[in-house]
């Protein structure tokens, strides 16, 4: 991946923010985000949103029925 554009950055932003991008992708995305005000603003918003969600949802557990439904969906059995 060389010379990433905004569309590529925004498509891969969650992978990057989740820490799931490989080292080369991280470097390229970081460089683009640093240089591009649009992508930097988007990344900053997503980081702030994640922080708020983490604080607001700390200690709360999803209802048992929701967890069971998600487990079924993730395991492929519906």
PDB file of N, CA and C in Angstrom:
ATOM      1  N   UNK A   1       0.844  -1.166   0.000  1.00  0.00           N
ATOM      2  CA  UNK A   1       0.000   0.000   0.000  1.00  0.00           C
ATOM      3  C   UNK A   1       0.891   1.229   0.000  1.00  0.00           C
ATOM      4  N   UNK A   2       0.914   1.973  -1.060  1.00  0.00           N
ATOM      5  CA  UNK A   2       1.680   3.209  -1.080  1.00  0.00           C
ATOM      6  C   UNK A   2       0.757   4.338  -1.471  1.00  0.00           C
ATOM      7  N   UNK A   3       1.046   5.529  -0.928  1.00  0.00           N
ATOM      8  CA  UNK A   3       0.209   6.679  -1.224  1.00  0.00           C
ATOM      9  C   UNK A   3      -1.270   6.367  -1.035  1.00  0.00           C
ATOM     10  N   UNK A   4      -1.684   6.225   0.179  1.00  0.00           N
ATOM     11  CA  UNK A   4      -3.083   5.929   0.447  1.00  0.00           C
ATOM     12  C   UNK A   4      -3.921   7.177   0.258  1.00  0.00           C
ATOM     13  N   UNK A   5      -5.166   6.985  -0.188  1.00  0.00           N
ATOM     14  CA  UNK A   5      -6.053   8.133  -0.308  1.00  0.00           C
ATOM     15  C   UNK A   5      -7.060   8.099   0.840  1.00  0.00           C
ATOM     16  N   UNK A   6      -7.867   9.135   0.937  1.00  0.00           N
ATOM     17  CA  UNK A   6      -8.808   9.265   2.050  1.00  0.00           C
ATOM     18  C   UNK A   6      -9.774   8.088   2.127  1.00  0.00           C
ATOM     19  N   UNK A   7     -10.263   7.620   0.999  1.00  0.00           N
ATOM     20  CA  UNK A   7     -11.203   6.501   1.011  1.00  0.00           C
ATOM     21  C   UNK A   7     -10.579   5.263   1.630  1.00  0.00           C
ATOM     22  N   UNK A   8      -9.331   4.990   1.292  1.00  0.00           N
ATOM     23  CA  UNK A   8      -8.633   3.825   1.853  1.00  0.00           C
ATOM     24  C   UNK A   8      -8.445   4.017   3.358  1.00  0.00           C
ATOM     25  N   UNK A   9      -8.056   5.199   3.759  1.00  0.00           N
ATOM     26  CA  UNK A   9      -7.846   5.463   5.185  1.00  0.00           C
ATOM     27  C   UNK A   9      -9.145   5.253   5.950  1.00  0.00           C
ATOM     28  N   UNK A  10     -10.235   5.805   5.449  1.00  0.00           N
ATOM     29  CA  UNK A  10     -11.504   5.686   6.159  1.00  0.00           C
ATOM     30  C   UNK A  10     -12.015   4.249   6.171  1.00  0.00           C
ATOM     31  N   UNK A  11     -11.739   3.490   5.114  1.00  0.00           N
ATOM     32  CA  UNK A  11     -12.121   2.076   5.093  1.00  0.00           C
ATOM     33  C   UNK A  11     -11.341   1.277   6.130  1.00  0.00           C
ATOM     34  N   UNK A  12     -10.118   1.663   6.374  1.00  0.00           N
ATOM     35  CA  UNK A  12      -9.232   0.898   7.272  1.00  0.00           C
ATOM     36  C   UNK A  12      -9.084   1.528   8.647  1.00  0.00           C
ATOM     37  N   UNK A  13      -9.828   2.587   8.897  1.00  0.00           N
ATOM     38  CA  UNK A  13      -9.668   3.310  10.156  1.00  0.00           C
ATOM     39  C   UNK A  13      -9.946   2.436  11.371  1.00  0.00           C
ATOM     40  N   UNK A  14     -11.002   1.622  11.339  1.00  0.00           N
ATOM     41  CA  UNK A  14     -11.329   0.785  12.489  1.00  0.00           C
ATOM     42  C   UNK A  14     -10.249  -0.259  12.735  1.00  0.00           C
ATOM     43  N   UNK A  15      -9.714  -0.834  11.672  1.00  0.00           N
ATOM     44  CA  UNK A  15      -8.615  -1.798  11.822  1.00  0.00           C
ATOM     45  C   UNK A  15      -7.435  -1.118  12.511  1.00  0.00           C
ATOM     46  N   UNK A  16      -7.139   0.098  12.068  1.00  0.00           N
ATOM     47  CA  UNK A  16      -6.049   0.880  12.633  1.00  0.00           C
ATOM     48  C   UNK A  16      -6.320   1.203  14.105  1.00  0.00           C
ATOM     49  N   UNK A  17      -7.504   1.723  14.410  1.00  0.00           N
ATOM     50  CA  UNK A  17      -7.821   2.111  15.781  1.00  0.00           C
ATOM     51  C   UNK A  17      -7.931   0.915  16.716  1.00  0.00           C
ATOM     52  N   UNK A  18      -8.309  -0.235  16.174  1.00  0.00           N
ATOM     53  CA  UNK A  18      -8.393  -1.456  16.983  1.00  0.00           C
ATOM     54  C   UNK A  18      -7.029  -2.089  17.216  1.00  0.00           C
ATOM     55  N   UNK A  19      -5.986  -1.544  16.581  1.00  0.00           N
ATOM     56  CA  UNK A  19      -4.652  -2.114  16.734  1.00  0.00           C
ATOM     57  C   UNK A  19      -4.453  -3.396  15.953  1.00  0.00           C
ATOM     58  N   UNK A  20      -5.286  -3.594  14.919  1.00  0.00           N
ATOM     59  CA  UNK A  20      -5.215  -4.825  14.137  1.00  0.00           C
ATOM     60  C   UNK A  20      -4.465  -4.659  12.819  1.00  0.00           C
ATOM     61  N   UNK A  21      -4.026  -3.453  12.519  1.00  0.00           N
ATOM     62  CA  UNK A  21      -3.279  -3.216  11.282  1.00  0.00           C
ATOM     63  C   UNK A  21      -1.825  -3.647  11.476  1.00  0.00           C
ATOM     64  N   UNK A  22      -1.220  -4.147  10.392  1.00  0.00           N
ATOM     65  CA  UNK A  22       0.188  -4.510  10.501  1.00  0.00           C
ATOM     66  C   UNK A  22       1.029  -3.234  10.564  1.00  0.00           C
ATOM     67  N   UNK A  23       2.292  -3.408  10.857  1.00  0.00           N
ATOM     68  CA  UNK A  23       3.178  -2.262  11.088  1.00  0.00           C
ATOM     69  C   UNK A  23       3.264  -1.329   9.876  1.00  0.00           C
ATOM     70  N   UNK A  24       3.375  -1.905   8.684  1.00  0.00           N
ATOM     71  CA  UNK A  24       3.482  -1.084   7.476  1.00  0.00           C
ATOM     72  C   UNK A  24       2.209  -0.276   7.259  1.00  0.00           C
ATOM     73  N   UNK A  25       1.049  -0.914   7.443  1.00  0.00           N
ATOM     74  CA  UNK A  25      -0.215  -0.209   7.268  1.00  0.00           C
ATOM     75  C   UNK A  25      -0.351   0.903   8.304  1.00  0.00           C
ATOM     76  N   UNK A  26       0.041   0.614   9.531  1.00  0.00           N
ATOM     77  CA  UNK A  26      -0.019   1.637  10.585  1.00  0.00           C
ATOM     78  C   UNK A  26       0.797   2.862  10.215  1.00  0.00           C
ATOM     79  N   UNK A  27       2.001   2.640   9.729  1.00  0.00           N
ATOM     80  CA  UNK A  27       2.861   3.775   9.354  1.00  0.00           C
ATOM     81  C   UNK A  27       2.214   4.610   8.260  1.00  0.00           C
ATOM     82  N   UNK A  28       1.673   3.945   7.246  1.00  0.00           N
ATOM     83  CA  UNK A  28       1.065   4.681   6.132  1.00  0.00           C
ATOM     84  C   UNK A  28      -0.198   5.424   6.569  1.00  0.00           C
ATOM     85  N   UNK A  29      -1.020   4.768   7.354  1.00  0.00           N
ATOM     86  CA  UNK A  29      -2.237   5.424   7.818  1.00  0.00           C
ATOM     87  C   UNK A  29      -1.905   6.579   8.750  1.00  0.00           C
ATOM     88  N   UNK A  30      -0.962   6.382   9.654  1.00  0.00           N
ATOM     89  CA  UNK A  30      -0.553   7.465  10.544  1.00  0.00           C
ATOM     90  C   UNK A  30      -0.027   8.655   9.768  1.00  0.00           C
ATOM     91  N   UNK A  31       0.791   8.399   8.746  1.00  0.00           N
ATOM     92  CA  UNK A  31       1.343   9.482   7.938  1.00  0.00           C
ATOM     93  C   UNK A  31       0.237  10.240   7.214  1.00  0.00           C
ATOM     94  N   UNK A  32      -0.719   9.508   6.660  1.00  0.00           N
ATOM     95  CA  UNK A  32      -1.816  10.162   5.950  1.00  0.00           C
ATOM     96  C   UNK A  32      -2.672  10.977   6.916  1.00  0.00           C
ATOM     97  N   UNK A  33      -3.010  10.382   8.053  1.00  0.00           N
ATOM     98  CA  UNK A  33      -3.850  11.062   9.044  1.00  0.00           C
ATOM     99  C   UNK A  33      -3.163  12.322   9.552  1.00  0.00           C
ATOM    100  N   UNK A  34      -1.872  12.251   9.728  1.00  0.00           N
ATOM    101  CA  UNK A  34      -1.113  13.425  10.175  1.00  0.00           C
ATOM    102  C   UNK A  34      -1.150  14.546   9.131  1.00  0.00           C
ATOM    103  N   UNK A  35      -1.110  14.189   7.860  1.00  0.00           N
ATOM    104  CA  UNK A  35      -1.029  15.184   6.797  1.00  0.00           C
ATOM    105  C   UNK A  35      -2.395  15.662   6.295  1.00  0.00           C
ATOM    106  N   UNK A  36      -3.443  14.901   6.544  1.00  0.00           N
ATOM    107  CA  UNK A  36      -4.767  15.196   5.970  1.00  0.00           C
ATOM    108  C   UNK A  36      -5.720  15.646   7.069  1.00  0.00           C
ATOM    109  N   UNK A  37      -6.124  16.898   7.032  1.00  0.00           N
ATOM    110  CA  UNK A  37      -7.004  17.445   8.058  1.00  0.00           C
ATOM    111  C   UNK A  37      -8.338  16.704   8.115  1.00  0.00           C
ATOM    112  N   UNK A  38      -8.904  16.371   6.969  1.00  0.00           N
ATOM    113  CA  UNK A  38     -10.183  15.656   6.922  1.00  0.00           C
ATOM    114  C   UNK A  38     -10.086  14.308   7.648  1.00  0.00           C
ATOM    115  N   UNK A  39      -9.091  13.524   7.315  1.00  0.00           N
ATOM    116  CA  UNK A  39      -8.928  12.205   7.936  1.00  0.00           C
ATOM    117  C   UNK A  39      -8.526  12.331   9.409  1.00  0.00           C
ATOM    118  N   UNK A  40      -7.722  13.340   9.726  1.00  0.00           N
ATOM    119  CA  UNK A  40      -7.323  13.549  11.126  1.00  0.00           C
ATOM    120  C   UNK A  40      -8.552  13.884  11.972  1.00  0.00           C
ATOM    121  N   UNK A  41      -9.419  14.755  11.452  1.00  0.00           N
ATOM    122  CA  UNK A  41     -10.643  15.093  12.188  1.00  0.00           C
ATOM    123  C   UNK A  41     -11.527  13.862  12.378  1.00  0.00           C
ATOM    124  N   UNK A  42     -11.633  13.051  11.343  1.00  0.00           N
ATOM    125  CA  UNK A  42     -12.445  11.829  11.432  1.00  0.00           C
ATOM    126  C   UNK A  42     -11.851  10.861  12.461  1.00  0.00           C
ATOM    127  N   UNK A  43     -10.547  10.657  12.401  1.00  0.00           N
ATOM    128  CA  UNK A  43      -9.877   9.757  13.346  1.00  0.00           C
ATOM    129  C   UNK A  43     -10.003  10.290  14.775  1.00  0.00           C
ATOM    130  N   UNK A  44      -9.846  11.602  14.953  1.00  0.00           N
ATOM    131  CA  UNK A  44      -9.983  12.190  16.288  1.00  0.00           C
ATOM    132  C   UNK A  44     -11.384  11.994  16.838  1.00  0.00           C
ATOM    133  N   UNK A  45     -12.397  12.186  15.981  1.00  0.00           N
ATOM    134  CA  UNK A  45     -13.779  11.966  16.399  1.00  0.00           C
ATOM    135  C   UNK A  45     -13.978  10.520  16.839  1.00  0.00           C
ATOM    136  N   UNK A  46     -13.492   9.579  16.032  1.00  0.00           N
ATOM    137  CA  UNK A  46     -13.662   8.158  16.362  1.00  0.00           C
ATOM    138  C   UNK A  46     -12.963   7.817  17.668  1.00  0.00           C
ATOM    139  N   UNK A  47     -11.786   8.385  17.902  1.00  0.00           N
ATOM    140  CA  UNK A  47     -11.062   8.133  19.164  1.00  0.00           C
ATOM    141  C   UNK A  47     -11.850   8.684  20.356  1.00  0.00           C
ATOM    142  N   UNK A  48     -12.383   9.909  20.198  1.00  0.00           N
ATOM    143  CA  UNK A  48     -13.176  10.499  21.290  1.00  0.00           C
ATOM    144  C   UNK A  48     -14.448   9.692  21.537  1.00  0.00           C
ATOM    145  N   UNK A  49     -15.101   9.253  20.471  1.00  0.00           N
ATOM    146  CA  UNK A  49     -16.309   8.449  20.600  1.00  0.00           C
ATOM    147  C   UNK A  49     -16.010   7.146  21.340  1.00  0.00           C
ATOM    148  N   UNK A  50     -14.941   6.492  20.973  1.00  0.00           N
ATOM    149  CA  UNK A  50     -14.549   5.251  21.650  1.00  0.00           C
ATOM    150  C   UNK A  50     -14.294   5.491  23.132  1.00  0.00           C
ATOM    151  N   UNK A  51     -13.637   6.613  23.454  1.00  0.00           N
ATOM    152  CA  UNK A  51     -13.342   6.925  24.852  1.00  0.00           C
ATOM    153  C   UNK A  51     -14.636   7.137  25.641  1.00  0.00           C
ATOM    154  N   UNK A  52     -15.597   7.851  25.060  1.00  0.00           N
ATOM    155  CA  UNK A  52     -16.875   8.079  25.728  1.00  0.00           C
ATOM    156  C   UNK A  52     -17.604   6.758  25.930  1.00  0.00           C
ATOM    157  N   UNK A  53     -17.648   5.940  24.901  1.00  0.00           N
ATOM    158  CA  UNK A  53     -18.326   4.647  25.011  1.00  0.00           C
ATOM    159  C   UNK A  53     -17.666   3.793  26.089  1.00  0.00           C
ATOM    160  N   UNK A  54     -16.349   3.796  26.116  1.00  0.00           N
ATOM    161  CA  UNK A  54     -15.635   2.994  27.112  1.00  0.00           C
ATOM    162  C   UNK A  54     -15.974   3.449  28.528  1.00  0.00           C
ATOM    163  N   UNK A  55     -16.024   4.760  28.745  1.00  0.00           N
ATOM    164  CA  UNK A  55     -16.335   5.279  30.079  1.00  0.00           C
ATOM    165  C   UNK A  55     -17.793   5.000  30.442  1.00  0.00           C
ATOM    166  N   UNK A  56     -18.694   5.258  29.514  1.00  0.00           N
ATOM    167  CA  UNK A  56     -20.128   5.115  29.792  1.00  0.00           C
ATOM    168  C   UNK A  56     -20.564   3.660  29.947  1.00  0.00           C
ATOM    169  N   UNK A  57     -19.870   2.753  29.308  1.00  0.00           N
ATOM    170  CA  UNK A  57     -20.280   1.341  29.338  1.00  0.00           C
ATOM    171  C   UNK A  57     -19.450   0.504  30.302  1.00  0.00           C
ATOM    172  N   UNK A  58     -18.573   1.129  31.016  1.00  0.00           N
ATOM    173  CA  UNK A  58     -17.720   0.395  31.947  1.00  0.00           C
ATOM    174  C   UNK A  58     -18.566  -0.286  33.012  1.00  0.00           C
ATOM    175  N   UNK A  59     -18.327  -1.542  33.196  1.00  0.00           N
ATOM    176  CA  UNK A  59     -18.993  -2.287  34.248  1.00  0.00           C
ATOM    177  C   UNK A  59     -20.377  -2.789  33.887  1.00  0.00           C
ATOM    178  N   UNK A  60     -20.937  -2.317  32.798  1.00  0.00           N
ATOM    179  CA  UNK A  60     -22.261  -2.790  32.410  1.00  0.00           C
ATOM    180  C   UNK A  60     -22.113  -4.012  31.522  1.00  0.00           C
ATOM    181  N   UNK A  61     -23.032  -4.924  31.679  1.00  0.00           N
ATOM    182  CA  UNK A  61     -23.039  -6.132  30.856  1.00  0.00           C
ATOM    183  C   UNK A  61     -24.302  -6.139  30.025  1.00  0.00           C
ATOM    184  N   UNK A  62     -24.161  -6.650  28.835  1.00  0.00           N
ATOM    185  CA  UNK A  62     -25.338  -6.794  27.970  1.00  0.00           C
ATOM    186  C   UNK A  62     -26.281  -7.823  28.590  1.00  0.00           C
ATOM    187  N   UNK A  63     -27.582  -7.657  28.379  1.00  0.00           N
ATOM    188  CA  UNK A  63     -28.528  -8.650  28.895  1.00  0.00           C
ATOM    189  C   UNK A  63     -28.199 -10.044  28.354  1.00  0.00           C
ATOM    190  N   UNK A  64     -28.511 -11.058  29.138  1.00  0.00           N
ATOM    191  CA  UNK A  64     -28.196 -12.446  28.789  1.00  0.00           C
ATOM    192  C   UNK A  64     -28.775 -12.830  27.428  1.00  0.00           C
ATOM    193  N   UNK A  65     -30.000 -12.416  27.139  1.00  0.00           N
ATOM    194  CA  UNK A  65     -30.633 -12.766  25.856  1.00  0.00           C
ATOM    195  C   UNK A  65     -29.852 -12.160  24.686  1.00  0.00           C
ATOM    196  N   UNK A  66     -29.393 -10.928  24.850  1.00  0.00           N
ATOM    197  CA  UNK A  66     -28.610 -10.285  23.787  1.00  0.00           C
ATOM    198  C   UNK A  66     -27.280 -10.995  23.599  1.00  0.00           C
ATOM    199  N   UNK A  67     -26.616 -11.344  24.690  1.00  0.00           N
ATOM    200  CA  UNK A  67     -25.338 -12.054  24.587  1.00  0.00           C
ATOM    201  C   UNK A  67     -25.523 -13.397  23.897  1.00  0.00           C
ATOM    202  N   UNK A  68     -26.601 -14.100  24.239  1.00  0.00           N
ATOM    203  CA  UNK A  68     -26.863 -15.412  23.618  1.00  0.00           C
ATOM    204  C   UNK A  68     -27.130 -15.246  22.122  1.00  0.00           C
ATOM    205  N   UNK A  69     -27.885 -14.222  21.748  1.00  0.00           N
ATOM    206  CA  UNK A  69     -28.184 -13.991  20.326  1.00  0.00           C
ATOM    207  C   UNK A  69     -26.903 -13.650  19.579  1.00  0.00           C
ATOM    208  N   UNK A  70     -26.050 -12.841  20.158  1.00  0.00           N
ATOM    209  CA  UNK A  70     -24.778 -12.487  19.514  1.00  0.00           C
ATOM    210  C   UNK A  70     -23.881 -13.715  19.380  1.00  0.00           C
ATOM    211  N   UNK A  71     -23.848 -14.554  20.412  1.00  0.00           N
ATOM    212  CA  UNK A  71     -23.061 -15.792  20.332  1.00  0.00           C
ATOM    213  C   UNK A  71     -23.545 -16.664  19.191  1.00  0.00           C
ATOM    214  N   UNK A  72     -24.866 -16.767  19.042  1.00  0.00           N
ATOM    215  CA  UNK A  72     -25.420 -17.578  17.945  1.00  0.00           C
ATOM    216  C   UNK A  72     -25.028 -16.989  16.586  1.00  0.00           C
ATOM    217  N   UNK A  73     -25.147 -15.673  16.444  1.00  0.00           N
ATOM    218  CA  UNK A  73     -24.787 -15.024  15.188  1.00  0.00           C
ATOM    219  C   UNK A  73     -23.304 -15.196  14.857  1.00  0.00           C
ATOM    220  N   UNK A  74     -22.472 -15.033  15.868  1.00  0.00           N
ATOM    221  CA  UNK A  74     -21.029 -15.146  15.645  1.00  0.00           C
ATOM    222  C   UNK A  74     -20.595 -16.575  15.360  1.00  0.00           C
ATOM    223  N   UNK A  75     -21.317 -17.533  15.911  1.00  0.00           N
ATOM    224  CA  UNK A  75     -20.949 -18.936  15.658  1.00  0.00           C
ATOM    225  C   UNK A  75     -21.542 -19.454  14.360  1.00  0.00           C
ATOM    226  N   UNK A  76     -22.436 -18.672  13.741  1.00  0.00           N
ATOM    227  CA  UNK A  76     -23.013 -19.066  12.473  1.00  0.00           C
ATOM    228  C   UNK A  76     -24.280 -19.881  12.593  1.00  0.00           C
ATOM    229  N   UNK A  77     -24.689 -20.181  13.802  1.00  0.00           N
ATOM    230  CA  UNK A  77     -25.945 -20.926  13.985  1.00  0.00           C
ATOM    231  C   UNK A  77     -27.034 -19.958  14.409  1.00  0.00           C
ATOM    232  N   UNK A  78     -28.111 -19.964  13.654  1.00  0.00           N
ATOM    233  CA  UNK A  78     -29.192 -19.011  13.965  1.00  0.00           C
ATOM    234  C   UNK A  78     -30.390 -19.796  14.265  1.00  0.00           C
TER     235      UNK A  78
END
